[in-house]
Amino acid sequence: MRIVGIDELTFGVKDLALAQRFFTDWGLNPLSSVEGQLEFETLNGAKVRLIDGTVEGFAPGVEPDPTVREVVWGVADASSFVALKQRLQSKLTYFDHGERVGC
């Protein structure tokens, strides 16, 4: 199984405007903005999503915001994806959404 890197990160934040300025100052390219959410792209094409911590429908943080809510890892090929699925299936919080699996 070959994990090639991070495809997406989601951060819960308390101050969306401040977080937007921080990520823009770091050189990330703004992609989209909807109520309570901003999306950026890194130089290598990874996505960074900022969410207002009060927006529902996202994984809770392991600590109070600002904090990481979700990390999506990319794999090299289909066989790596299958191997990852098999490795995660026994986990209590495992989920399978077709092209996305996790726990």
N, C-alpha and C. Protein backbone atom coordinates (compact mmCIF):
# COMPACT_ATOMS: atom_id res chain seq x y z
N MET A 1 0.86 -1.18 0.00
CA MET A 1 0.00 0.00 0.00
C MET A 1 0.90 1.23 0.00
N ARG A 2 0.62 2.13 -0.92
CA ARG A 2 1.42 3.36 -1.01
C ARG A 2 0.53 4.58 -0.80
N ILE A 3 0.72 5.24 0.33
CA ILE A 3 0.06 6.52 0.58
C ILE A 3 1.00 7.59 0.04
N VAL A 4 0.48 8.46 -0.83
CA VAL A 4 1.35 9.42 -1.52
C VAL A 4 1.34 10.82 -0.90
N GLY A 5 0.38 11.10 -0.05
CA GLY A 5 0.37 12.42 0.58
C GLY A 5 -1.03 12.86 0.93
N ILE A 6 -1.12 14.05 1.44
CA ILE A 6 -2.41 14.61 1.85
C ILE A 6 -3.11 15.21 0.63
N ASP A 7 -4.37 14.81 0.43
CA ASP A 7 -5.21 15.38 -0.64
C ASP A 7 -6.04 16.55 -0.13
N GLU A 8 -6.56 16.42 1.09
CA GLU A 8 -7.43 17.47 1.65
C GLU A 8 -7.24 17.57 3.15
N LEU A 9 -7.39 18.79 3.66
CA LEU A 9 -7.42 19.07 5.10
C LEU A 9 -8.64 19.92 5.39
N THR A 10 -9.31 19.64 6.48
CA THR A 10 -10.40 20.49 6.93
C THR A 10 -10.07 20.98 8.33
N PHE A 11 -10.13 22.29 8.52
CA PHE A 11 -9.87 22.91 9.82
C PHE A 11 -11.14 23.59 10.31
N GLY A 12 -11.48 23.37 11.57
CA GLY A 12 -12.51 24.16 12.23
C GLY A 12 -11.85 25.39 12.82
N VAL A 13 -12.45 26.56 12.61
CA VAL A 13 -11.85 27.80 13.10
C VAL A 13 -12.90 28.63 13.84
N LYS A 14 -12.43 29.50 14.71
CA LYS A 14 -13.32 30.41 15.44
C LYS A 14 -13.54 31.71 14.68
N ASP A 15 -12.53 32.16 13.97
CA ASP A 15 -12.58 33.44 13.25
C ASP A 15 -12.23 33.17 11.79
N LEU A 16 -13.25 33.03 10.94
CA LEU A 16 -13.05 32.69 9.55
C LEU A 16 -12.25 33.74 8.79
N ALA A 17 -12.51 35.02 9.08
CA ALA A 17 -11.79 36.10 8.38
C ALA A 17 -10.30 36.08 8.73
N LEU A 18 -9.99 35.87 9.99
CA LEU A 18 -8.58 35.80 10.41
C LEU A 18 -7.89 34.58 9.79
N ALA A 19 -8.58 33.45 9.78
CA ALA A 19 -8.01 32.24 9.18
C ALA A 19 -7.81 32.43 7.68
N GLN A 20 -8.75 33.10 7.03
CA GLN A 20 -8.62 33.37 5.59
C GLN A 20 -7.36 34.20 5.32
N ARG A 21 -7.16 35.21 6.12
CA ARG A 21 -5.97 36.06 5.95
C ARG A 21 -4.69 35.25 6.16
N PHE A 22 -4.69 34.39 7.18
CA PHE A 22 -3.52 33.56 7.47
C PHE A 22 -3.16 32.67 6.28
N PHE A 23 -4.15 31.95 5.74
CA PHE A 23 -3.87 31.03 4.64
C PHE A 23 -3.55 31.76 3.35
N THR A 24 -4.15 32.91 3.14
CA THR A 24 -3.82 33.73 1.97
C THR A 24 -2.39 34.25 2.08
N ASP A 25 -2.01 34.74 3.27
CA ASP A 25 -0.65 35.22 3.49
C ASP A 25 0.39 34.12 3.27
N TRP A 26 0.01 32.86 3.52
CA TRP A 26 0.91 31.73 3.31
C TRP A 26 0.96 31.32 1.85
N GLY A 27 0.21 32.00 0.99
CA GLY A 27 0.30 31.76 -0.44
C GLY A 27 -0.67 30.74 -1.01
N LEU A 28 -1.65 30.32 -0.23
CA LEU A 28 -2.63 29.39 -0.77
C LEU A 28 -3.60 30.13 -1.69
N ASN A 29 -4.04 29.46 -2.74
CA ASN A 29 -4.95 30.06 -3.71
C ASN A 29 -6.39 29.87 -3.28
N PRO A 30 -7.17 30.95 -3.14
CA PRO A 30 -8.58 30.80 -2.80
C PRO A 30 -9.33 30.12 -3.96
N LEU A 31 -10.20 29.15 -3.63
CA LEU A 31 -10.98 28.45 -4.64
C LEU A 31 -12.46 28.79 -4.57
N SER A 32 -13.01 28.74 -3.35
CA SER A 32 -14.45 28.99 -3.22
C SER A 32 -14.77 29.51 -1.83
N SER A 33 -15.93 30.13 -1.75
CA SER A 33 -16.42 30.66 -0.49
C SER A 33 -17.93 30.51 -0.45
N VAL A 34 -18.42 29.78 0.53
CA VAL A 34 -19.85 29.68 0.79
C VAL A 34 -20.05 29.99 2.26
N GLU A 35 -21.27 30.20 2.65
CA GLU A 35 -21.57 30.57 4.03
C GLU A 35 -20.88 29.64 5.03
N GLY A 36 -19.96 30.19 5.81
CA GLY A 36 -19.28 29.43 6.85
C GLY A 36 -18.14 28.55 6.39
N GLN A 37 -17.78 28.61 5.10
CA GLN A 37 -16.72 27.75 4.58
C GLN A 37 -15.88 28.47 3.54
N LEU A 38 -14.59 28.19 3.56
CA LEU A 38 -13.66 28.69 2.54
C LEU A 38 -12.84 27.51 2.07
N GLU A 39 -12.49 27.50 0.79
CA GLU A 39 -11.64 26.44 0.28
C GLU A 39 -10.47 27.05 -0.46
N PHE A 40 -9.29 26.48 -0.20
CA PHE A 40 -8.04 26.92 -0.81
C PHE A 40 -7.37 25.74 -1.49
N GLU A 41 -6.37 26.06 -2.31
CA GLU A 41 -5.55 25.03 -2.93
C GLU A 41 -4.08 25.34 -2.64
N THR A 42 -3.33 24.31 -2.29
CA THR A 42 -1.90 24.47 -2.05
C THR A 42 -1.14 24.40 -3.37
N LEU A 43 0.14 24.66 -3.34
CA LEU A 43 0.95 24.63 -4.55
C LEU A 43 0.99 23.25 -5.19
N ASN A 44 0.84 22.19 -4.38
CA ASN A 44 0.87 20.84 -4.95
C ASN A 44 -0.52 20.30 -5.28
N GLY A 45 -1.54 21.17 -5.18
CA GLY A 45 -2.89 20.78 -5.58
C GLY A 45 -3.77 20.24 -4.47
N ALA A 46 -3.25 20.13 -3.26
CA ALA A 46 -4.08 19.68 -2.14
C ALA A 46 -5.10 20.76 -1.79
N LYS A 47 -6.23 20.34 -1.27
CA LYS A 47 -7.29 21.26 -0.87
C LYS A 47 -7.22 21.50 0.64
N VAL A 48 -7.47 22.74 1.04
CA VAL A 48 -7.57 23.10 2.45
C VAL A 48 -8.92 23.78 2.63
N ARG A 49 -9.76 23.20 3.48
CA ARG A 49 -11.09 23.74 3.75
C ARG A 49 -11.10 24.32 5.16
N LEU A 50 -11.59 25.53 5.29
CA LEU A 50 -11.77 26.17 6.59
C LEU A 50 -13.27 26.25 6.85
N ILE A 51 -13.68 25.82 8.01
CA ILE A 51 -15.10 25.89 8.35
C ILE A 51 -15.27 26.65 9.65
N ASP A 52 -16.29 27.47 9.69
CA ASP A 52 -16.68 28.09 10.95
C ASP A 52 -17.02 26.94 11.89
N GLY A 53 -16.45 26.94 13.06
CA GLY A 53 -16.63 25.85 14.00
C GLY A 53 -18.06 25.56 14.39
N THR A 54 -18.98 26.47 14.11
CA THR A 54 -20.37 26.24 14.46
C THR A 54 -21.16 25.56 13.34
N VAL A 55 -20.55 25.41 12.15
CA VAL A 55 -21.22 24.76 11.02
C VAL A 55 -21.34 23.27 11.31
N GLU A 56 -22.54 22.74 11.15
CA GLU A 56 -22.77 21.32 11.41
C GLU A 56 -22.47 20.50 10.17
N GLY A 57 -22.31 19.20 10.37
CA GLY A 57 -22.10 18.29 9.26
C GLY A 57 -20.64 17.90 9.05
N PHE A 58 -19.77 18.36 9.92
CA PHE A 58 -18.36 18.02 9.83
C PHE A 58 -17.94 17.25 11.07
N ALA A 59 -16.88 16.50 10.94
CA ALA A 59 -16.36 15.74 12.08
C ALA A 59 -15.99 16.70 13.21
N PRO A 60 -16.24 16.30 14.44
CA PRO A 60 -15.82 17.16 15.55
C PRO A 60 -14.32 17.16 15.70
N GLY A 61 -13.80 18.22 16.29
CA GLY A 61 -12.37 18.29 16.56
C GLY A 61 -12.01 17.46 17.78
N VAL A 62 -10.76 17.10 17.88
CA VAL A 62 -10.31 16.36 19.07
C VAL A 62 -10.00 17.32 20.21
N GLU A 63 -10.04 18.60 19.91
CA GLU A 63 -9.84 19.66 20.90
C GLU A 63 -10.63 20.87 20.41
N PRO A 64 -10.81 21.89 21.24
CA PRO A 64 -11.56 23.07 20.80
C PRO A 64 -10.91 23.73 19.58
N ASP A 65 -11.73 24.31 18.71
CA ASP A 65 -11.21 25.03 17.54
C ASP A 65 -10.33 26.19 17.99
N PRO A 66 -9.35 26.53 17.20
CA PRO A 66 -9.03 26.02 15.88
C PRO A 66 -8.29 24.68 15.96
N THR A 67 -8.72 23.74 15.12
CA THR A 67 -8.08 22.43 15.08
C THR A 67 -8.43 21.71 13.80
N VAL A 68 -7.67 20.68 13.51
CA VAL A 68 -7.94 19.84 12.34
C VAL A 68 -9.21 19.04 12.60
N ARG A 69 -10.06 18.97 11.58
CA ARG A 69 -11.29 18.18 11.67
C ARG A 69 -11.20 16.91 10.83
N GLU A 70 -10.49 16.99 9.69
CA GLU A 70 -10.40 15.83 8.81
C GLU A 70 -9.12 15.93 7.98
N VAL A 71 -8.48 14.79 7.76
CA VAL A 71 -7.32 14.67 6.88
C VAL A 71 -7.66 13.58 5.87
N VAL A 72 -7.53 13.90 4.58
CA VAL A 72 -7.79 12.92 3.52
C VAL A 72 -6.46 12.62 2.84
N TRP A 73 -6.07 11.36 2.89
CA TRP A 73 -4.81 10.92 2.31
C TRP A 73 -5.06 10.34 0.92
N GLY A 74 -4.15 10.61 0.00
CA GLY A 74 -4.22 10.03 -1.34
C GLY A 74 -3.35 8.79 -1.42
N VAL A 75 -3.79 7.84 -2.25
CA VAL A 75 -3.02 6.62 -2.46
C VAL A 75 -2.56 6.57 -3.92
N ALA A 76 -1.54 5.76 -4.17
CA ALA A 76 -0.89 5.73 -5.48
C ALA A 76 -1.74 5.08 -6.57
N ASP A 77 -2.54 4.08 -6.21
CA ASP A 77 -3.25 3.34 -7.24
C ASP A 77 -4.41 2.55 -6.62
N ALA A 78 -5.17 1.88 -7.48
CA ALA A 78 -6.36 1.15 -7.03
C ALA A 78 -6.01 0.03 -6.06
N SER A 79 -4.90 -0.66 -6.28
CA SER A 79 -4.54 -1.75 -5.36
C SER A 79 -4.19 -1.21 -3.97
N SER A 80 -3.60 -0.03 -3.92
CA SER A 80 -3.31 0.60 -2.63
C SER A 80 -4.60 0.98 -1.92
N PHE A 81 -5.58 1.43 -2.68
CA PHE A 81 -6.88 1.80 -2.10
C PHE A 81 -7.56 0.56 -1.51
N VAL A 82 -7.55 -0.54 -2.25
CA VAL A 82 -8.15 -1.79 -1.77
C VAL A 82 -7.44 -2.25 -0.49
N ALA A 83 -6.13 -2.18 -0.47
CA ALA A 83 -5.36 -2.58 0.72
C ALA A 83 -5.71 -1.70 1.91
N LEU A 84 -5.88 -0.40 1.68
CA LEU A 84 -6.25 0.51 2.76
C LEU A 84 -7.64 0.18 3.29
N LYS A 85 -8.58 -0.06 2.39
CA LYS A 85 -9.93 -0.45 2.81
C LYS A 85 -9.89 -1.68 3.69
N GLN A 86 -9.15 -2.68 3.29
CA GLN A 86 -9.07 -3.92 4.06
C GLN A 86 -8.45 -3.67 5.43
N ARG A 87 -7.48 -2.78 5.48
CA ARG A 87 -6.81 -2.49 6.74
C ARG A 87 -7.72 -1.75 7.72
N LEU A 88 -8.60 -0.90 7.19
CA LEU A 88 -9.45 -0.07 8.04
C LEU A 88 -10.77 -0.73 8.43
N GLN A 89 -11.22 -1.73 7.69
CA GLN A 89 -12.56 -2.30 7.87
C GLN A 89 -12.86 -2.77 9.29
N SER A 90 -11.88 -3.17 10.04
CA SER A 90 -12.12 -3.68 11.39
C SER A 90 -12.25 -2.57 12.43
N LYS A 91 -12.00 -1.33 12.04
CA LYS A 91 -12.08 -0.22 12.99
C LYS A 91 -13.53 0.11 13.31
N LEU A 92 -13.78 0.47 14.54
CA LEU A 92 -15.13 0.74 15.01
C LEU A 92 -15.82 1.84 14.21
N THR A 93 -15.10 2.88 13.86
CA THR A 93 -15.71 4.02 13.18
C THR A 93 -15.53 3.99 11.66
N TYR A 94 -15.20 2.83 11.10
CA TYR A 94 -14.95 2.69 9.66
C TYR A 94 -16.17 3.15 8.85
N PHE A 95 -15.89 3.86 7.75
CA PHE A 95 -16.94 4.19 6.79
C PHE A 95 -16.41 3.98 5.38
N ASP A 96 -17.32 3.70 4.46
CA ASP A 96 -16.98 3.48 3.06
C ASP A 96 -17.98 4.28 2.23
N HIS A 97 -17.49 5.34 1.59
CA HIS A 97 -18.32 6.19 0.74
C HIS A 97 -17.88 6.06 -0.72
N GLY A 98 -17.63 4.85 -1.14
CA GLY A 98 -17.21 4.63 -2.52
C GLY A 98 -15.74 4.92 -2.72
N GLU A 99 -15.43 6.11 -3.19
CA GLU A 99 -14.04 6.48 -3.44
C GLU A 99 -13.36 7.09 -2.21
N ARG A 100 -14.09 7.13 -1.09
CA ARG A 100 -13.52 7.63 0.17
C ARG A 100 -13.83 6.65 1.28
N VAL A 101 -12.80 6.24 1.99
CA VAL A 101 -12.98 5.39 3.16
C VAL A 101 -12.24 6.05 4.31
N GLY A 102 -12.60 5.66 5.50
CA GLY A 102 -11.91 6.24 6.65
C GLY A 102 -12.43 5.68 7.95
N CYS A 103 -11.95 6.26 9.02
CA CYS A 103 -12.42 5.90 10.36
C CYS A 103 -12.13 7.02 11.31
